[in-house]
Amino acid sequence: MKDIVIRFVIGGVVVSAFAVLGELFKPKSFAGIFGAAPSVALATLSLTVAKDGRGYAAIEARSMILGAVAFFVYAWLVSRYLLAGKWSALRVTVSALPMWCLCAFGLWWMLLK
């Protein structure tokens, strides 16, 4: 129960801080991105450091970074196909998911295994 309360407090504070950052940038749709992902990651890392130590948290942080790189590749690929205008958004996003998996697990296998 203590972990849930700590996660709630840390998440709330960090979400609020990143929401303010999101309001400063345009387009306003970035507010959700700035509000959600970093706050969850920071809350999780804070709890991991407290519970399992810095070494384990470092491994988790590297995994998060590799996941972000894989997501960037996915987003780049999706945007390229959507800008071409030949396929629907659903078809492009679903068909690009294997690339995200390949990139994420490939990076994990190369760098962390």
PDB file of N, CA and C in Angstrom:
ATOM      1  N   MET A   1       0.829  -1.197   0.000  1.00  0.00           N
ATOM      2  CA  MET A   1       0.000   0.000   0.000  1.00  0.00           C
ATOM      3  C   MET A   1       0.866   1.251   0.000  1.00  0.00           C
ATOM      4  N   LYS A   2       2.008   1.173   0.698  1.00  0.00           N
ATOM      5  CA  LYS A   2       2.907   2.314   0.764  1.00  0.00           C
ATOM      6  C   LYS A   2       3.445   2.665  -0.625  1.00  0.00           C
ATOM      7  N   ASP A   3       3.782   1.632  -1.429  1.00  0.00           N
ATOM      8  CA  ASP A   3       4.277   1.872  -2.782  1.00  0.00           C
ATOM      9  C   ASP A   3       3.243   2.583  -3.644  1.00  0.00           C
ATOM     10  N   ILE A   4       1.990   2.227  -3.466  1.00  0.00           N
ATOM     11  CA  ILE A   4       0.927   2.848  -4.257  1.00  0.00           C
ATOM     12  C   ILE A   4       0.785   4.321  -3.901  1.00  0.00           C
ATOM     13  N   VAL A   5       0.843   4.637  -2.628  1.00  0.00           N
ATOM     14  CA  VAL A   5       0.732   6.039  -2.193  1.00  0.00           C
ATOM     15  C   VAL A   5       1.923   6.847  -2.699  1.00  0.00           C
ATOM     16  N   ILE A   6       3.119   6.288  -2.575  1.00  0.00           N
ATOM     17  CA  ILE A   6       4.313   6.990  -3.055  1.00  0.00           C
ATOM     18  C   ILE A   6       4.231   7.204  -4.560  1.00  0.00           C
ATOM     19  N   ARG A   7       3.826   6.171  -5.286  1.00  0.00           N
ATOM     20  CA  ARG A   7       3.697   6.291  -6.747  1.00  0.00           C
ATOM     21  C   ARG A   7       2.666   7.356  -7.104  1.00  0.00           C
ATOM     22  N   PHE A   8       1.567   7.410  -6.362  1.00  0.00           N
ATOM     23  CA  PHE A   8       0.527   8.399  -6.606  1.00  0.00           C
ATOM     24  C   PHE A   8       1.058   9.813  -6.397  1.00  0.00           C
ATOM     25  N   VAL A   9       1.778  10.031  -5.303  1.00  0.00           N
ATOM     26  CA  VAL A   9       2.290  11.369  -4.992  1.00  0.00           C
ATOM     27  C   VAL A   9       3.356  11.783  -6.004  1.00  0.00           C
ATOM     28  N   ILE A  10       4.326  10.911  -6.231  1.00  0.00           N
ATOM     29  CA  ILE A  10       5.391  11.244  -7.192  1.00  0.00           C
ATOM     30  C   ILE A  10       4.793  11.458  -8.577  1.00  0.00           C
ATOM     31  N   GLY A  11       3.912  10.539  -8.986  1.00  0.00           N
ATOM     32  CA  GLY A  11       3.280  10.668 -10.302  1.00  0.00           C
ATOM     33  C   GLY A  11       2.497  11.954 -10.445  1.00  0.00           C
ATOM     34  N   GLY A  12       1.732  12.316  -9.418  1.00  0.00           N
ATOM     35  CA  GLY A  12       0.947  13.548  -9.475  1.00  0.00           C
ATOM     36  C   GLY A  12       1.797  14.788  -9.600  1.00  0.00           C
ATOM     37  N   VAL A  13       2.855  14.850  -8.824  1.00  0.00           N
ATOM     38  CA  VAL A  13       3.744  16.017  -8.879  1.00  0.00           C
ATOM     39  C   VAL A  13       4.434  16.110 -10.236  1.00  0.00           C
ATOM     40  N   VAL A  14       4.940  14.985 -10.697  1.00  0.00           N
ATOM     41  CA  VAL A  14       5.678  14.998 -11.967  1.00  0.00           C
ATOM     42  C   VAL A  14       4.732  15.217 -13.145  1.00  0.00           C
ATOM     43  N   VAL A  15       3.545  14.632 -13.115  1.00  0.00           N
ATOM     44  CA  VAL A  15       2.571  14.869 -14.187  1.00  0.00           C
ATOM     45  C   VAL A  15       2.235  16.359 -14.247  1.00  0.00           C
ATOM     46  N   SER A  16       2.038  16.973 -13.111  1.00  0.00           N
ATOM     47  CA  SER A  16       1.729  18.405 -13.091  1.00  0.00           C
ATOM     48  C   SER A  16       2.870  19.227 -13.673  1.00  0.00           C
ATOM     49  N   ALA A  17       4.091  18.890 -13.308  1.00  0.00           N
ATOM     50  CA  ALA A  17       5.248  19.626 -13.832  1.00  0.00           C
ATOM     51  C   ALA A  17       5.368  19.461 -15.347  1.00  0.00           C
ATOM     52  N   PHE A  18       5.204  18.244 -15.830  1.00  0.00           N
ATOM     53  CA  PHE A  18       5.307  18.031 -17.273  1.00  0.00           C
ATOM     54  C   PHE A  18       4.105  18.598 -18.022  1.00  0.00           C
ATOM     55  N   ALA A  19       2.948  18.667 -17.399  1.00  0.00           N
ATOM     56  CA  ALA A  19       1.790  19.296 -18.035  1.00  0.00           C
ATOM     57  C   ALA A  19       2.044  20.779 -18.249  1.00  0.00           C
ATOM     58  N   VAL A  20       2.710  21.410 -17.288  1.00  0.00           N
ATOM     59  CA  VAL A  20       3.074  22.817 -17.451  1.00  0.00           C
ATOM     60  C   VAL A  20       4.032  22.968 -18.628  1.00  0.00           C
ATOM     61  N   LEU A  21       5.022  22.071 -18.725  1.00  0.00           N
ATOM     62  CA  LEU A  21       5.923  22.104 -19.880  1.00  0.00           C
ATOM     63  C   LEU A  21       5.167  21.900 -21.184  1.00  0.00           C
ATOM     64  N   GLY A  22       4.211  20.982 -21.179  1.00  0.00           N
ATOM     65  CA  GLY A  22       3.417  20.729 -22.366  1.00  0.00           C
ATOM     66  C   GLY A  22       2.612  21.939 -22.802  1.00  0.00           C
ATOM     67  N   GLU A  23       2.161  22.733 -21.848  1.00  0.00           N
ATOM     68  CA  GLU A  23       1.408  23.944 -22.172  1.00  0.00           C
ATOM     69  C   GLU A  23       2.296  25.010 -22.803  1.00  0.00           C
ATOM     70  N   LEU A  24       3.585  24.952 -22.530  1.00  0.00           N
ATOM     71  CA  LEU A  24       4.501  25.950 -23.062  1.00  0.00           C
ATOM     72  C   LEU A  24       4.843  25.708 -24.525  1.00  0.00           C
ATOM     73  N   PHE A  25       4.713  24.465 -24.984  1.00  0.00           N
ATOM     74  CA  PHE A  25       5.092  24.113 -26.352  1.00  0.00           C
ATOM     75  C   PHE A  25       3.869  23.982 -27.237  1.00  0.00           C
ATOM     76  N   LYS A  26       4.098  24.114 -28.542  1.00  0.00           N
ATOM     77  CA  LYS A  26       3.033  23.940 -29.513  1.00  0.00           C
ATOM     78  C   LYS A  26       3.397  22.768 -30.392  1.00  0.00           C
ATOM     79  N   PRO A  27       2.511  21.964 -30.856  1.00  0.00           N
ATOM     80  CA  PRO A  27       1.080  21.994 -30.638  1.00  0.00           C
ATOM     81  C   PRO A  27       0.722  21.511 -29.241  1.00  0.00           C
ATOM     82  N   LYS A  28      -0.452  21.840 -28.810  1.00  0.00           N
ATOM     83  CA  LYS A  28      -0.903  21.505 -27.461  1.00  0.00           C
ATOM     84  C   LYS A  28      -1.077  20.000 -27.275  1.00  0.00           C
ATOM     85  N   SER A  29      -1.103  19.250 -28.355  1.00  0.00           N
ATOM     86  CA  SER A  29      -1.250  17.799 -28.230  1.00  0.00           C
ATOM     87  C   SER A  29      -0.032  17.169 -27.571  1.00  0.00           C
ATOM     88  N   PHE A  30       1.084  17.877 -27.517  1.00  0.00           N
ATOM     89  CA  PHE A  30       2.267  17.365 -26.834  1.00  0.00           C
ATOM     90  C   PHE A  30       2.085  17.325 -25.319  1.00  0.00           C
ATOM     91  N   ALA A  31       1.100  18.035 -24.804  1.00  0.00           N
ATOM     92  CA  ALA A  31       0.890  18.078 -23.349  1.00  0.00           C
ATOM     93  C   ALA A  31       0.664  16.681 -22.789  1.00  0.00           C
ATOM     94  N   GLY A  32      -0.078  15.853 -23.495  1.00  0.00           N
ATOM     95  CA  GLY A  32      -0.320  14.479 -23.037  1.00  0.00           C
ATOM     96  C   GLY A  32       0.946  13.652 -23.035  1.00  0.00           C
ATOM     97  N   ILE A  33       1.761  13.815 -24.045  1.00  0.00           N
ATOM     98  CA  ILE A  33       3.018  13.070 -24.121  1.00  0.00           C
ATOM     99  C   ILE A  33       3.943  13.507 -22.995  1.00  0.00           C
ATOM    100  N   PHE A  34       4.068  14.821 -22.810  1.00  0.00           N
ATOM    101  CA  PHE A  34       4.935  15.318 -21.754  1.00  0.00           C
ATOM    102  C   PHE A  34       4.391  14.962 -20.372  1.00  0.00           C
ATOM    103  N   GLY A  35       3.081  14.828 -20.244  1.00  0.00           N
ATOM    104  CA  GLY A  35       2.488  14.559 -18.942  1.00  0.00           C
ATOM    105  C   GLY A  35       2.543  13.110 -18.530  1.00  0.00           C
ATOM    106  N   ALA A  36       2.373  12.197 -19.454  1.00  0.00           N
ATOM    107  CA  ALA A  36       2.207  10.792 -19.088  1.00  0.00           C
ATOM    108  C   ALA A  36       3.521  10.021 -18.987  1.00  0.00           C
ATOM    109  N   ALA A  37       4.205   9.876 -20.076  1.00  0.00           N
ATOM    110  CA  ALA A  37       5.354   8.963 -20.116  1.00  0.00           C
ATOM    111  C   ALA A  37       6.474   9.326 -19.143  1.00  0.00           C
ATOM    112  N   PRO A  38       6.942  10.558 -19.114  1.00  0.00           N
ATOM    113  CA  PRO A  38       8.046  10.855 -18.190  1.00  0.00           C
ATOM    114  C   PRO A  38       7.661  10.691 -16.724  1.00  0.00           C
ATOM    115  N   SER A  39       6.435  11.041 -16.385  1.00  0.00           N
ATOM    116  CA  SER A  39       6.052  10.941 -14.982  1.00  0.00           C
ATOM    117  C   SER A  39       5.960   9.495 -14.525  1.00  0.00           C
ATOM    118  N   VAL A  40       5.428   8.633 -15.360  1.00  0.00           N
ATOM    119  CA  VAL A  40       5.357   7.218 -15.009  1.00  0.00           C
ATOM    120  C   VAL A  40       6.758   6.637 -14.898  1.00  0.00           C
ATOM    121  N   ALA A  41       7.624   6.988 -15.824  1.00  0.00           N
ATOM    122  CA  ALA A  41       8.999   6.480 -15.793  1.00  0.00           C
ATOM    123  C   ALA A  41       9.736   6.954 -14.546  1.00  0.00           C
ATOM    124  N   LEU A  42       9.607   8.221 -14.212  1.00  0.00           N
ATOM    125  CA  LEU A  42      10.306   8.743 -13.036  1.00  0.00           C
ATOM    126  C   LEU A  42       9.761   8.157 -11.742  1.00  0.00           C
ATOM    127  N   ALA A  43       8.457   8.000 -11.657  1.00  0.00           N
ATOM    128  CA  ALA A  43       7.879   7.394 -10.455  1.00  0.00           C
ATOM    129  C   ALA A  43       8.338   5.951 -10.307  1.00  0.00           C
ATOM    130  N   THR A  44       8.351   5.218 -11.407  1.00  0.00           N
ATOM    131  CA  THR A  44       8.788   3.828 -11.375  1.00  0.00           C
ATOM    132  C   THR A  44      10.251   3.730 -10.989  1.00  0.00           C
ATOM    133  N   LEU A  45      11.094   4.587 -11.572  1.00  0.00           N
ATOM    134  CA  LEU A  45      12.516   4.551 -11.232  1.00  0.00           C
ATOM    135  C   LEU A  45      12.763   4.939  -9.780  1.00  0.00           C
ATOM    136  N   SER A  46      12.022   5.903  -9.264  1.00  0.00           N
ATOM    137  CA  SER A  46      12.184   6.293  -7.864  1.00  0.00           C
ATOM    138  C   SER A  46      11.854   5.134  -6.930  1.00  0.00           C
ATOM    139  N   LEU A  47      10.759   4.459  -7.210  1.00  0.00           N
ATOM    140  CA  LEU A  47      10.393   3.309  -6.380  1.00  0.00           C
ATOM    141  C   LEU A  47      11.384   2.162  -6.543  1.00  0.00           C
ATOM    142  N   THR A  48      11.896   1.973  -7.737  1.00  0.00           N
ATOM    143  CA  THR A  48      12.870   0.904  -7.976  1.00  0.00           C
ATOM    144  C   THR A  48      14.155   1.162  -7.218  1.00  0.00           C
ATOM    145  N   VAL A  49      14.614   2.407  -7.204  1.00  0.00           N
ATOM    146  CA  VAL A  49      15.826   2.740  -6.441  1.00  0.00           C
ATOM    147  C   VAL A  49      15.600   2.465  -4.963  1.00  0.00           C
ATOM    148  N   ALA A  50      14.454   2.879  -4.459  1.00  0.00           N
ATOM    149  CA  ALA A  50      14.171   2.693  -3.030  1.00  0.00           C
ATOM    150  C   ALA A  50      14.021   1.223  -2.664  1.00  0.00           C
ATOM    151  N   LYS A  51      13.456   0.437  -3.551  1.00  0.00           N
ATOM    152  CA  LYS A  51      13.150  -0.954  -3.228  1.00  0.00           C
ATOM    153  C   LYS A  51      14.284  -1.919  -3.595  1.00  0.00           C
ATOM    154  N   ASP A  52      14.873  -1.752  -4.785  1.00  0.00           N
ATOM    155  CA  ASP A  52      15.837  -2.725  -5.300  1.00  0.00           C
ATOM    156  C   ASP A  52      17.252  -2.189  -5.476  1.00  0.00           C
ATOM    157  N   GLY A  53      17.467  -0.904  -5.269  1.00  0.00           N
ATOM    158  CA  GLY A  53      18.807  -0.338  -5.366  1.00  0.00           C
ATOM    159  C   GLY A  53      19.100   0.321  -6.702  1.00  0.00           C
ATOM    160  N   ARG A  54      20.209   1.026  -6.719  1.00  0.00           N
ATOM    161  CA  ARG A  54      20.587   1.811  -7.886  1.00  0.00           C
ATOM    162  C   ARG A  54      20.974   0.961  -9.092  1.00  0.00           C
ATOM    163  N   GLY A  55      21.628  -0.155  -8.853  1.00  0.00           N
ATOM    164  CA  GLY A  55      22.061  -1.009  -9.954  1.00  0.00           C
ATOM    165  C   GLY A  55      20.897  -1.534 -10.774  1.00  0.00           C
ATOM    166  N   TYR A  56      19.893  -2.025 -10.076  1.00  0.00           N
ATOM    167  CA  TYR A  56      18.709  -2.544 -10.767  1.00  0.00           C
ATOM    168  C   TYR A  56      17.959  -1.411 -11.469  1.00  0.00           C
ATOM    169  N   ALA A  57      17.894  -0.247 -10.836  1.00  0.00           N
ATOM    170  CA  ALA A  57      17.229   0.905 -11.447  1.00  0.00           C
ATOM    171  C   ALA A  57      17.960   1.349 -12.710  1.00  0.00           C
ATOM    172  N   ALA A  58      19.284   1.222 -12.712  1.00  0.00           N
ATOM    173  CA  ALA A  58      20.054   1.578 -13.908  1.00  0.00           C
ATOM    174  C   ALA A  58      19.697   0.662 -15.071  1.00  0.00           C
ATOM    175  N   ILE A  59      19.534  -0.622 -14.791  1.00  0.00           N
ATOM    176  CA  ILE A  59      19.131  -1.563 -15.843  1.00  0.00           C
ATOM    177  C   ILE A  59      17.742  -1.204 -16.367  1.00  0.00           C
ATOM    178  N   GLU A  60      16.840  -0.882 -15.449  1.00  0.00           N
ATOM    179  CA  GLU A  60      15.485  -0.490 -15.848  1.00  0.00           C
ATOM    180  C   GLU A  60      15.510   0.789 -16.691  1.00  0.00           C
ATOM    181  N   ALA A  61      16.346   1.745 -16.308  1.00  0.00           N
ATOM    182  CA  ALA A  61      16.440   3.003 -17.061  1.00  0.00           C
ATOM    183  C   ALA A  61      16.974   2.755 -18.469  1.00  0.00           C
ATOM    184  N   ARG A  62      17.980   1.888 -18.587  1.00  0.00           N
ATOM    185  CA  ARG A  62      18.496   1.557 -19.924  1.00  0.00           C
ATOM    186  C   ARG A  62      17.417   0.887 -20.761  1.00  0.00           C
ATOM    187  N   SER A  63      16.628   0.041 -20.141  1.00  0.00           N
ATOM    188  CA  SER A  63      15.532  -0.610 -20.869  1.00  0.00           C
ATOM    189  C   SER A  63      14.516   0.419 -21.353  1.00  0.00           C
ATOM    190  N   MET A  64      14.222   1.404 -20.520  1.00  0.00           N
ATOM    191  CA  MET A  64      13.296   2.456 -20.918  1.00  0.00           C
ATOM    192  C   MET A  64      13.846   3.245 -22.102  1.00  0.00           C
ATOM    193  N   ILE A  65      15.127   3.524 -22.076  1.00  0.00           N
ATOM    194  CA  ILE A  65      15.756   4.270 -23.171  1.00  0.00           C
ATOM    195  C   ILE A  65      15.687   3.469 -24.466  1.00  0.00           C
ATOM    196  N   LEU A  66      15.980   2.183 -24.394  1.00  0.00           N
ATOM    197  CA  LEU A  66      15.911   1.343 -25.590  1.00  0.00           C
ATOM    198  C   LEU A  66      14.487   1.272 -26.119  1.00  0.00           C
ATOM    199  N   GLY A  67      13.514   1.199 -25.228  1.00  0.00           N
ATOM    200  CA  GLY A  67      12.114   1.215 -25.652  1.00  0.00           C
ATOM    201  C   GLY A  67      11.751   2.523 -26.340  1.00  0.00           C
ATOM    202  N   ALA A  68      12.298   3.623 -25.843  1.00  0.00           N
ATOM    203  CA  ALA A  68      12.039   4.924 -26.461  1.00  0.00           C
ATOM    204  C   ALA A  68      12.661   4.998 -27.854  1.00  0.00           C
ATOM    205  N   VAL A  69      13.855   4.456 -28.013  1.00  0.00           N
ATOM    206  CA  VAL A  69      14.497   4.426 -29.331  1.00  0.00           C
ATOM    207  C   VAL A  69      13.653   3.596 -30.300  1.00  0.00           C
ATOM    208  N   ALA A  70      13.196   2.441 -29.843  1.00  0.00           N
ATOM    209  CA  ALA A  70      12.356   1.593 -30.689  1.00  0.00           C
ATOM    210  C   ALA A  70      11.054   2.314 -31.049  1.00  0.00           C
ATOM    211  N   PHE A  71      10.475   3.034 -30.096  1.00  0.00           N
ATOM    212  CA  PHE A  71       9.258   3.779 -30.387  1.00  0.00           C
ATOM    213  C   PHE A  71       9.521   4.893 -31.389  1.00  0.00           C
ATOM    214  N   PHE A  72      10.682   5.544 -31.295  1.00  0.00           N
ATOM    215  CA  PHE A  72      11.039   6.582 -32.268  1.00  0.00           C
ATOM    216  C   PHE A  72      11.102   5.990 -33.671  1.00  0.00           C
ATOM    217  N   VAL A  73      11.724   4.820 -33.806  1.00  0.00           N
ATOM    218  CA  VAL A  73      11.798   4.158 -35.114  1.00  0.00           C
ATOM    219  C   VAL A  73      10.390   3.851 -35.625  1.00  0.00           C
ATOM    220  N   TYR A  74       9.549   3.336 -34.747  1.00  0.00           N
ATOM    221  CA  TYR A  74       8.157   3.041 -35.103  1.00  0.00           C
ATOM    222  C   TYR A  74       7.430   4.311 -35.558  1.00  0.00           C
ATOM    223  N   ALA A  75       7.551   5.379 -34.785  1.00  0.00           N
ATOM    224  CA  ALA A  75       6.866   6.632 -35.113  1.00  0.00           C
ATOM    225  C   ALA A  75       7.379   7.217 -36.426  1.00  0.00           C
ATOM    226  N   TRP A  76       8.673   7.122 -36.660  1.00  0.00           N
ATOM    227  CA  TRP A  76       9.253   7.618 -37.912  1.00  0.00           C
ATOM    228  C   TRP A  76       8.693   6.831 -39.093  1.00  0.00           C
ATOM    229  N   LEU A  77       8.667   5.503 -38.954  1.00  0.00           N
ATOM    230  CA  LEU A  77       8.162   4.651 -40.023  1.00  0.00           C
ATOM    231  C   LEU A  77       6.686   4.939 -40.303  1.00  0.00           C
ATOM    232  N   VAL A  78       5.883   5.043 -39.256  1.00  0.00           N
ATOM    233  CA  VAL A  78       4.460   5.328 -39.423  1.00  0.00           C
ATOM    234  C   VAL A  78       4.254   6.684 -40.089  1.00  0.00           C
ATOM    235  N   SER A  79       4.997   7.687 -39.652  1.00  0.00           N
ATOM    236  CA  SER A  79       4.815   9.018 -40.240  1.00  0.00           C
ATOM    237  C   SER A  79       5.202   9.041 -41.716  1.00  0.00           C
ATOM    238  N   ARG A  80       6.238   8.315 -42.077  1.00  0.00           N
ATOM    239  CA  ARG A  80       6.647   8.255 -43.490  1.00  0.00           C
ATOM    240  C   ARG A  80       5.541   7.651 -44.356  1.00  0.00           C
ATOM    241  N   TYR A  81       4.961   6.544 -43.895  1.00  0.00           N
ATOM    242  CA  TYR A  81       3.903   5.904 -44.672  1.00  0.00           C
ATOM    243  C   TYR A  81       2.616   6.724 -44.687  1.00  0.00           C
ATOM    244  N   LEU A  82       2.299   7.366 -43.565  1.00  0.00           N
ATOM    245  CA  LEU A  82       1.086   8.182 -43.540  1.00  0.00           C
ATOM    246  C   LEU A  82       1.220   9.416 -44.432  1.00  0.00           C
ATOM    247  N   LEU A  83       2.415   9.998 -44.474  1.00  0.00           N
ATOM    248  CA  LEU A  83       2.616  11.159 -45.341  1.00  0.00           C
ATOM    249  C   LEU A  83       2.543  10.784 -46.817  1.00  0.00           C
ATOM    250  N   ALA A  84       2.884   9.547 -47.141  1.00  0.00           N
ATOM    251  CA  ALA A  84       2.758   9.091 -48.520  1.00  0.00           C
ATOM    252  C   ALA A  84       1.289   9.034 -48.930  1.00  0.00           C
ATOM    253  N   GLY A  85       0.401   8.823 -47.954  1.00  0.00           N
ATOM    254  CA  GLY A  85      -1.028   8.894 -48.203  1.00  0.00           C
ATOM    255  C   GLY A  85      -1.639   7.717 -48.941  1.00  0.00           C
ATOM    256  N   LYS A  86      -0.949   6.602 -49.003  1.00  0.00           N
ATOM    257  CA  LYS A  86      -1.475   5.466 -49.755  1.00  0.00           C
ATOM    258  C   LYS A  86      -2.254   4.484 -48.891  1.00  0.00           C
ATOM    259  N   TRP A  87      -1.993   4.460 -47.593  1.00  0.00           N
ATOM    260  CA  TRP A  87      -2.630   3.492 -46.698  1.00  0.00           C
ATOM    261  C   TRP A  87      -3.401   4.228 -45.614  1.00  0.00           C
ATOM    262  N   SER A  88      -4.343   3.524 -45.012  1.00  0.00           N
ATOM    263  CA  SER A  88      -5.095   4.106 -43.904  1.00  0.00           C
ATOM    264  C   SER A  88      -4.233   4.100 -42.635  1.00  0.00           C
ATOM    265  N   ALA A  89      -4.617   4.929 -41.682  1.00  0.00           N
ATOM    266  CA  ALA A  89      -3.852   5.019 -40.436  1.00  0.00           C
ATOM    267  C   ALA A  89      -3.850   3.692 -39.686  1.00  0.00           C
ATOM    268  N   LEU A  90      -4.980   3.021 -39.654  1.00  0.00           N
ATOM    269  CA  LEU A  90      -5.054   1.731 -38.964  1.00  0.00           C
ATOM    270  C   LEU A  90      -4.122   0.704 -39.601  1.00  0.00           C
ATOM    271  N   ARG A  91      -4.149   0.635 -40.896  1.00  0.00           N
ATOM    272  CA  ARG A  91      -3.291  -0.332 -41.602  1.00  0.00           C
ATOM    273  C   ARG A  91      -1.813  -0.037 -41.377  1.00  0.00           C
ATOM    274  N   VAL A  92      -1.437   1.232 -41.419  1.00  0.00           N
ATOM    275  CA  VAL A  92      -0.029   1.613 -41.231  1.00  0.00           C
ATOM    276  C   VAL A  92       0.422   1.310 -39.810  1.00  0.00           C
ATOM    277  N   THR A  93      -0.369   1.711 -38.826  1.00  0.00           N
ATOM    278  CA  THR A  93       0.068   1.527 -37.433  1.00  0.00           C
ATOM    279  C   THR A  93       0.152   0.058 -37.058  1.00  0.00           C
ATOM    280  N   VAL A  94      -0.796  -0.740 -37.503  1.00  0.00           N
ATOM    281  CA  VAL A  94      -0.765  -2.164 -37.179  1.00  0.00           C
ATOM    282  C   VAL A  94       0.365  -2.873 -37.911  1.00  0.00           C
ATOM    283  N   SER A  95       0.574  -2.525 -39.172  1.00  0.00           N
ATOM    284  CA  SER A  95       1.620  -3.203 -39.932  1.00  0.00           C
ATOM    285  C   SER A  95       3.025  -2.783 -39.496  1.00  0.00           C
ATOM    286  N   ALA A  96       3.159  -1.660 -38.817  1.00  0.00           N
ATOM    287  CA  ALA A  96       4.468  -1.220 -38.337  1.00  0.00           C
ATOM    288  C   ALA A  96       4.814  -1.789 -36.960  1.00  0.00           C
ATOM    289  N   LEU A  97       3.864  -2.400 -36.271  1.00  0.00           N
ATOM    290  CA  LEU A  97       4.136  -2.969 -34.946  1.00  0.00           C
ATOM    291  C   LEU A  97       5.248  -4.026 -34.948  1.00  0.00           C
ATOM    292  N   PRO A  98       5.319  -4.896 -35.952  1.00  0.00           N
ATOM    293  CA  PRO A  98       6.453  -5.838 -35.960  1.00  0.00           C
ATOM    294  C   PRO A  98       7.813  -5.138 -36.003  1.00  0.00           C
ATOM    295  N   MET A  99       7.889  -3.975 -36.639  1.00  0.00           N
ATOM    296  CA  MET A  99       9.155  -3.236 -36.665  1.00  0.00           C
ATOM    297  C   MET A  99       9.519  -2.744 -35.270  1.00  0.00           C
ATOM    298  N   TRP A 100       8.501  -2.285 -34.512  1.00  0.00           N
ATOM    299  CA  TRP A 100       8.775  -1.870 -33.137  1.00  0.00           C
ATOM    300  C   TRP A 100       9.295  -3.047 -32.324  1.00  0.00           C
ATOM    301  N   CYS A 101       8.640  -4.194 -32.458  1.00  0.00           N
ATOM    302  CA  CYS A 101       9.068  -5.390 -31.715  1.00  0.00           C
ATOM    303  C   CYS A 101      10.480  -5.800 -32.109  1.00  0.00           C
ATOM    304  N   LEU A 102      10.739  -5.824 -33.386  1.00  0.00           N
ATOM    305  CA  LEU A 102      12.068  -6.203 -33.866  1.00  0.00           C
ATOM    306  C   LEU A 102      13.136  -5.249 -33.338  1.00  0.00           C
ATOM    307  N   CYS A 103      12.845  -3.969 -33.396  1.00  0.00           N
ATOM    308  CA  CYS A 103      13.810  -2.964 -32.929  1.00  0.00           C
ATOM    309  C   CYS A 103      13.997  -3.053 -31.416  1.00  0.00           C
ATOM    310  N   ALA A 104      12.914  -3.122 -30.662  1.00  0.00           N
ATOM    311  CA  ALA A 104      13.007  -3.160 -29.199  1.00  0.00           C
ATOM    312  C   ALA A 104      13.739  -4.408 -28.721  1.00  0.00           C
ATOM    313  N   PHE A 105      13.330  -5.561 -29.193  1.00  0.00           N
ATOM    314  CA  PHE A 105      13.964  -6.797 -28.740  1.00  0.00           C
ATOM    315  C   PHE A 105      15.362  -6.959 -29.313  1.00  0.00           C
ATOM    316  N   GLY A 106      15.587  -6.436 -30.512  1.00  0.00           N
ATOM    317  CA  GLY A 106      16.933  -6.468 -31.087  1.00  0.00           C
ATOM    318  C   GLY A 106      17.909  -5.616 -30.281  1.00  0.00           C
ATOM    319  N   LEU A 107      17.493  -4.415 -29.925  1.00  0.00           N
ATOM    320  CA  LEU A 107      18.349  -3.558 -29.093  1.00  0.00           C
ATOM    321  C   LEU A 107      18.585  -4.186 -27.727  1.00  0.00           C
ATOM    322  N   TRP A 108      17.538  -4.749 -27.142  1.00  0.00           N
ATOM    323  CA  TRP A 108      17.690  -5.406 -25.841  1.00  0.00           C
ATOM    324  C   TRP A 108      18.694  -6.539 -25.937  1.00  0.00           C
ATOM    325  N   TRP A 109      18.551  -7.350 -26.959  1.00  0.00           N
ATOM    326  CA  TRP A 109      19.421  -8.506 -27.127  1.00  0.00           C
ATOM    327  C   TRP A 109      20.876  -8.078 -27.336  1.00  0.00           C
ATOM    328  N   MET A 110      21.085  -7.020 -28.142  1.00  0.00           N
ATOM    329  CA  MET A 110      22.447  -6.560 -28.433  1.00  0.00           C
ATOM    330  C   MET A 110      23.100  -5.872 -27.242  1.00  0.00           C
ATOM    331  N   LEU A 111      22.353  -5.080 -26.509  1.00  0.00           N
ATOM    332  CA  LEU A 111      22.964  -4.218 -25.493  1.00  0.00           C
ATOM    333  C   LEU A 111      22.807  -4.683 -24.057  1.00  0.00           C
ATOM    334  N   LEU A 112      21.761  -5.412 -23.742  1.00  0.00           N
ATOM    335  CA  LEU A 112      21.521  -5.730 -22.346  1.00  0.00           C
ATOM    336  C   LEU A 112      21.663  -7.203 -22.006  1.00  0.00           C
ATOM    337  N   LYS A 113      21.629  -8.038 -22.983  1.00  0.00           N
ATOM    338  CA  LYS A 113      21.667  -9.467 -22.687  1.00  0.00           C
ATOM    339  C   LYS A 113      23.063  -9.924 -22.333  1.00  0.00           C
TER     340      LYS A 113
END
